[in-house]
Protein backbone atom coordinates (compact mmCIF):
# COMPACT_ATOMS: atom_id res chain seq x y z
CA MET A 1 34.82 0.12 -7.93
CA ALA A 2 35.87 -3.02 -10.10
CA MET A 3 34.08 -4.05 -13.93
CA THR A 4 32.74 -7.60 -13.82
CA ASN A 5 32.22 -8.98 -17.36
CA PRO A 6 29.07 -10.03 -18.38
CA ILE A 7 29.36 -13.59 -17.89
CA GLN A 8 30.43 -13.26 -14.11
CA PHE A 9 27.47 -10.74 -13.48
CA ILE A 10 24.80 -12.95 -14.92
CA GLN A 11 26.31 -15.64 -12.71
CA GLN A 12 26.13 -13.39 -9.79
CA VAL A 13 22.57 -12.31 -10.47
CA ARG A 14 21.37 -15.99 -11.14
CA SER A 15 23.05 -16.59 -7.84
CA GLU A 16 21.38 -13.94 -5.43
CA ALA A 17 18.03 -14.67 -7.31
CA GLY A 18 18.38 -18.27 -5.72
CA LYS A 19 18.13 -16.94 -2.58
CA VAL A 20 15.14 -15.50 -2.88
CA VAL A 21 12.29 -16.59 -0.60
CA TRP A 22 8.71 -16.11 -2.03
CA PRO A 23 5.97 -16.00 -0.27
CA GLU A 24 3.80 -18.55 0.12
CA ARG A 25 -0.21 -18.30 -1.53
CA ARG A 26 -1.74 -18.39 1.71
CA GLU A 27 0.21 -15.54 2.79
CA VAL A 28 -0.37 -13.44 -0.37
CA LEU A 29 -4.02 -13.93 -0.21
CA LEU A 30 -3.86 -13.04 3.75
CA THR A 31 -1.58 -9.79 3.46
CA THR A 32 -4.15 -8.56 0.13
CA ALA A 33 -6.84 -9.46 2.20
CA MET A 34 -5.54 -7.23 4.86
CA VAL A 35 -4.75 -4.66 2.42
CA LEU A 36 -8.09 -4.48 1.18
CA VAL A 37 -9.81 -4.21 4.53
CA MET A 38 -7.78 -1.65 5.74
CA ALA A 39 -8.24 0.44 2.69
CA ALA A 40 -11.76 0.06 2.95
CA LEU A 41 -12.14 1.21 6.71
CA THR A 42 -9.69 4.07 5.53
CA ALA A 43 -12.03 5.17 2.78
CA THR A 44 -14.94 5.13 5.37
CA PHE A 45 -13.17 7.16 7.72
CA PHE A 46 -12.76 9.77 5.68
CA SER A 47 -16.05 9.62 3.82
CA LEU A 48 -17.69 9.95 7.28
CA THR A 49 -15.20 12.63 7.99
CA ASP A 50 -15.76 14.89 5.00
CA VAL A 51 -19.85 14.54 5.75
CA LEU A 52 -19.39 16.09 9.72
CA ILE A 53 -17.04 18.63 8.27
CA LYS A 54 -19.67 19.79 5.57
CA PHE A 55 -22.18 19.35 8.09
CA GLY A 56 -20.40 21.56 10.42
CA LEU A 57 -19.49 24.06 7.93
CA THR A 58 -23.26 24.27 6.28
CA PHE A 59 -24.27 24.52 10.24
CA VAL A 60 -22.19 27.51 11.20
CA LEU A 61 -22.40 29.32 7.80
CA SER A 62 -26.31 29.00 7.71
CA ALA A 63 -26.20 30.46 11.36
CA PHE A 64 -24.69 34.00 9.56
CA HIS A 65 -26.83 34.08 6.46
């Protein structure tokens, strides 16, 4: 791999940075909302699963007590 001098490197970085396409505000808000909704649904699912497992274990263990 050939070494480039620092000036060429900075020019290449600026050139590549100019090609970056940033998302629009609406897209950022929409994807953020989707992530928050999915996180809430996942938390609810695992909370309910935890309650059901706890209930089932309590029921099974109390039958043998």
